Amino acid sequence: EFMISGPVMIQALEGENAVLAHRDLLGATNPKDAAPGTIRADFADSIDANAAHGSDSVENAANEVAYFFAATEVVSR
């Protein structure tokens, strides 16, 4: 229900340690455990509606990018 409750933005991020850097910005999955200033601490309602998703590994990131984007839509810098 949460995923279809409003607009969704999908991004493919690139960079050195991009998965870890993005997860640091997101904060802990449970917003109650997330550090102040992180996306989940600032915007999440609950662990189920935690405001954002981030891949937990490079392999999962590749699978998730391939699910949402055609190869022609992803341009590496």
N, C-alpha and C. Protein backbone atom coordinates (compact mmCIF):
# COMPACT_ATOMS: atom_id res chain seq x y z
N GLU A 1 0.81 -1.20 0.00
CA GLU A 1 0.00 0.00 0.00
C GLU A 1 0.85 1.26 0.00
N PHE A 2 1.92 1.25 0.81
CA PHE A 2 2.76 2.45 0.89
C PHE A 2 3.37 2.80 -0.46
N MET A 3 3.84 1.79 -1.19
CA MET A 3 4.51 2.05 -2.47
C MET A 3 3.58 2.68 -3.51
N ILE A 4 2.28 2.48 -3.36
CA ILE A 4 1.35 3.06 -4.33
C ILE A 4 0.53 4.20 -3.73
N SER A 5 0.94 4.69 -2.58
CA SER A 5 0.17 5.72 -1.89
C SER A 5 0.45 7.13 -2.41
N GLY A 6 1.43 7.28 -3.27
CA GLY A 6 1.76 8.60 -3.79
C GLY A 6 2.80 8.48 -4.88
N PRO A 7 3.32 9.61 -5.33
CA PRO A 7 4.34 9.59 -6.38
C PRO A 7 5.59 8.82 -5.95
N VAL A 8 6.23 8.20 -6.91
CA VAL A 8 7.46 7.45 -6.68
C VAL A 8 8.53 7.98 -7.62
N MET A 9 9.73 8.19 -7.11
CA MET A 9 10.86 8.60 -7.94
C MET A 9 11.90 7.49 -7.89
N ILE A 10 12.34 7.05 -9.05
CA ILE A 10 13.34 6.00 -9.12
C ILE A 10 14.61 6.62 -9.67
N GLN A 11 15.72 6.37 -8.97
CA GLN A 11 17.01 6.91 -9.39
C GLN A 11 18.03 5.78 -9.45
N ALA A 12 18.92 5.86 -10.40
CA ALA A 12 20.08 4.98 -10.46
C ALA A 12 21.29 5.86 -10.16
N LEU A 13 21.94 5.58 -9.05
CA LEU A 13 23.07 6.40 -8.61
C LEU A 13 24.37 5.70 -8.95
N GLU A 14 25.39 6.49 -9.22
CA GLU A 14 26.69 5.96 -9.61
C GLU A 14 27.77 6.69 -8.86
N GLY A 15 28.82 5.98 -8.51
CA GLY A 15 29.96 6.61 -7.87
C GLY A 15 30.71 5.61 -7.02
N GLU A 16 31.85 6.03 -6.53
CA GLU A 16 32.65 5.17 -5.67
C GLU A 16 31.87 4.89 -4.39
N ASN A 17 31.70 3.61 -4.08
CA ASN A 17 30.95 3.18 -2.89
C ASN A 17 29.54 3.77 -2.87
N ALA A 18 28.89 3.85 -4.02
CA ALA A 18 27.58 4.49 -4.13
C ALA A 18 26.53 3.82 -3.25
N VAL A 19 26.54 2.49 -3.18
CA VAL A 19 25.54 1.80 -2.36
C VAL A 19 25.69 2.19 -0.90
N LEU A 20 26.90 2.13 -0.38
CA LEU A 20 27.14 2.49 1.02
C LEU A 20 26.85 3.96 1.28
N ALA A 21 27.28 4.83 0.37
CA ALA A 21 27.05 6.27 0.55
C ALA A 21 25.55 6.58 0.58
N HIS A 22 24.80 5.93 -0.31
CA HIS A 22 23.35 6.16 -0.35
C HIS A 22 22.69 5.63 0.92
N ARG A 23 23.12 4.47 1.38
CA ARG A 23 22.54 3.92 2.61
C ARG A 23 22.85 4.82 3.81
N ASP A 24 24.02 5.44 3.81
CA ASP A 24 24.35 6.39 4.88
C ASP A 24 23.40 7.59 4.86
N LEU A 25 23.06 8.07 3.66
CA LEU A 25 22.11 9.18 3.54
C LEU A 25 20.70 8.79 3.97
N LEU A 26 20.33 7.54 3.67
CA LEU A 26 18.99 7.07 4.03
C LEU A 26 18.82 6.93 5.53
N GLY A 27 19.83 6.40 6.20
CA GLY A 27 19.71 6.10 7.62
C GLY A 27 19.19 4.69 7.82
N ALA A 28 19.06 4.29 9.07
CA ALA A 28 18.61 2.94 9.42
C ALA A 28 17.22 2.67 8.85
N THR A 29 16.96 1.40 8.52
CA THR A 29 15.67 1.00 7.97
C THR A 29 14.53 1.41 8.89
N ASN A 30 14.73 1.21 10.18
CA ASN A 30 13.73 1.66 11.16
C ASN A 30 13.99 3.12 11.48
N PRO A 31 13.08 4.01 11.13
CA PRO A 31 13.33 5.44 11.35
C PRO A 31 13.58 5.81 12.80
N LYS A 32 13.11 4.99 13.74
CA LYS A 32 13.37 5.26 15.16
C LYS A 32 14.85 5.10 15.49
N ASP A 33 15.56 4.29 14.67
CA ASP A 33 16.99 4.05 14.87
C ASP A 33 17.86 4.92 13.98
N ALA A 34 17.25 5.67 13.08
CA ALA A 34 18.00 6.47 12.10
C ALA A 34 18.58 7.72 12.75
N ALA A 35 19.79 8.05 12.35
CA ALA A 35 20.46 9.25 12.89
C ALA A 35 19.75 10.51 12.43
N PRO A 36 19.69 11.52 13.29
CA PRO A 36 19.09 12.80 12.89
C PRO A 36 19.74 13.33 11.62
N GLY A 37 18.93 13.90 10.75
CA GLY A 37 19.45 14.46 9.50
C GLY A 37 19.44 13.49 8.34
N THR A 38 19.16 12.20 8.61
CA THR A 38 19.06 11.25 7.50
C THR A 38 17.65 11.31 6.92
N ILE A 39 17.49 10.80 5.72
CA ILE A 39 16.20 10.84 5.04
C ILE A 39 15.12 10.16 5.87
N ARG A 40 15.42 8.98 6.39
CA ARG A 40 14.40 8.25 7.14
C ARG A 40 14.10 8.90 8.48
N ALA A 41 15.10 9.44 9.14
CA ALA A 41 14.84 10.13 10.41
C ALA A 41 13.94 11.34 10.19
N ASP A 42 14.16 12.02 9.09
CA ASP A 42 13.42 13.27 8.83
C ASP A 42 12.06 13.07 8.18
N PHE A 43 11.90 12.00 7.38
CA PHE A 43 10.69 11.89 6.56
C PHE A 43 9.87 10.61 6.73
N ALA A 44 10.42 9.58 7.35
CA ALA A 44 9.70 8.30 7.44
C ALA A 44 8.63 8.34 8.53
N ASP A 45 7.54 7.61 8.28
CA ASP A 45 6.46 7.50 9.25
C ASP A 45 6.62 6.28 10.15
N SER A 46 7.16 5.20 9.58
CA SER A 46 7.29 3.94 10.32
C SER A 46 8.28 3.04 9.59
N ILE A 47 8.55 1.87 10.15
CA ILE A 47 9.45 0.94 9.48
C ILE A 47 8.84 0.45 8.16
N ASP A 48 7.52 0.36 8.09
CA ASP A 48 6.85 -0.06 6.85
C ASP A 48 6.77 1.07 5.83
N ALA A 49 6.62 2.28 6.30
CA ALA A 49 6.56 3.46 5.43
C ALA A 49 7.80 4.29 5.72
N ASN A 50 8.96 3.73 5.34
CA ASN A 50 10.23 4.34 5.74
C ASN A 50 10.81 5.32 4.73
N ALA A 51 9.98 5.85 3.87
CA ALA A 51 10.29 6.99 3.00
C ALA A 51 11.13 6.67 1.77
N ALA A 52 12.01 5.69 1.84
CA ALA A 52 12.90 5.46 0.70
C ALA A 52 13.45 4.05 0.73
N HIS A 53 13.84 3.57 -0.44
CA HIS A 53 14.49 2.27 -0.56
C HIS A 53 15.89 2.48 -1.10
N GLY A 54 16.81 1.71 -0.62
CA GLY A 54 18.17 1.71 -1.15
C GLY A 54 18.67 0.29 -1.24
N SER A 55 19.29 -0.06 -2.33
CA SER A 55 19.84 -1.40 -2.50
C SER A 55 20.84 -1.67 -1.39
N ASP A 56 20.91 -2.94 -0.97
CA ASP A 56 21.83 -3.30 0.11
C ASP A 56 23.14 -3.89 -0.38
N SER A 57 23.30 -4.04 -1.68
CA SER A 57 24.55 -4.56 -2.24
C SER A 57 24.66 -4.12 -3.70
N VAL A 58 25.85 -4.20 -4.22
CA VAL A 58 26.07 -3.85 -5.63
C VAL A 58 25.28 -4.80 -6.53
N GLU A 59 25.25 -6.08 -6.16
CA GLU A 59 24.53 -7.06 -6.96
C GLU A 59 23.03 -6.76 -6.98
N ASN A 60 22.46 -6.47 -5.83
CA ASN A 60 21.04 -6.13 -5.79
C ASN A 60 20.76 -4.82 -6.51
N ALA A 61 21.67 -3.88 -6.42
CA ALA A 61 21.50 -2.62 -7.15
C ALA A 61 21.42 -2.88 -8.65
N ALA A 62 22.30 -3.72 -9.16
CA ALA A 62 22.28 -4.04 -10.59
C ALA A 62 20.96 -4.69 -10.98
N ASN A 63 20.46 -5.60 -10.16
CA ASN A 63 19.17 -6.25 -10.45
C ASN A 63 18.02 -5.25 -10.41
N GLU A 64 18.03 -4.36 -9.43
CA GLU A 64 16.95 -3.38 -9.30
C GLU A 64 16.98 -2.34 -10.41
N VAL A 65 18.16 -1.91 -10.81
CA VAL A 65 18.28 -0.97 -11.93
C VAL A 65 17.75 -1.64 -13.20
N ALA A 66 18.13 -2.89 -13.43
CA ALA A 66 17.67 -3.61 -14.62
C ALA A 66 16.15 -3.82 -14.61
N TYR A 67 15.57 -3.94 -13.44
CA TYR A 67 14.11 -4.12 -13.34
C TYR A 67 13.36 -2.86 -13.77
N PHE A 68 13.87 -1.70 -13.37
CA PHE A 68 13.15 -0.45 -13.62
C PHE A 68 13.57 0.28 -14.89
N PHE A 69 14.77 0.03 -15.40
CA PHE A 69 15.29 0.78 -16.54
C PHE A 69 15.75 -0.16 -17.65
N ALA A 70 15.50 0.23 -18.89
CA ALA A 70 16.08 -0.46 -20.03
C ALA A 70 17.56 -0.08 -20.10
N ALA A 71 18.37 -0.94 -20.67
CA ALA A 71 19.81 -0.67 -20.77
C ALA A 71 20.08 0.66 -21.48
N THR A 72 19.24 1.02 -22.42
CA THR A 72 19.43 2.28 -23.16
C THR A 72 19.09 3.51 -22.32
N GLU A 73 18.43 3.32 -21.18
CA GLU A 73 18.06 4.45 -20.32
C GLU A 73 19.10 4.76 -19.26
N VAL A 74 20.09 3.89 -19.10
CA VAL A 74 21.12 4.08 -18.08
C VAL A 74 22.41 4.48 -18.77
N VAL A 75 22.87 5.68 -18.47
CA VAL A 75 24.08 6.20 -19.10
C VAL A 75 25.11 6.44 -18.01
N SER A 76 26.25 5.78 -18.13
CA SER A 76 27.32 5.94 -17.15
C SER A 76 28.10 7.20 -17.44
N ARG A 77 28.53 7.87 -16.41
CA ARG A 77 29.33 9.09 -16.59
C ARG A 77 30.77 8.76 -16.88
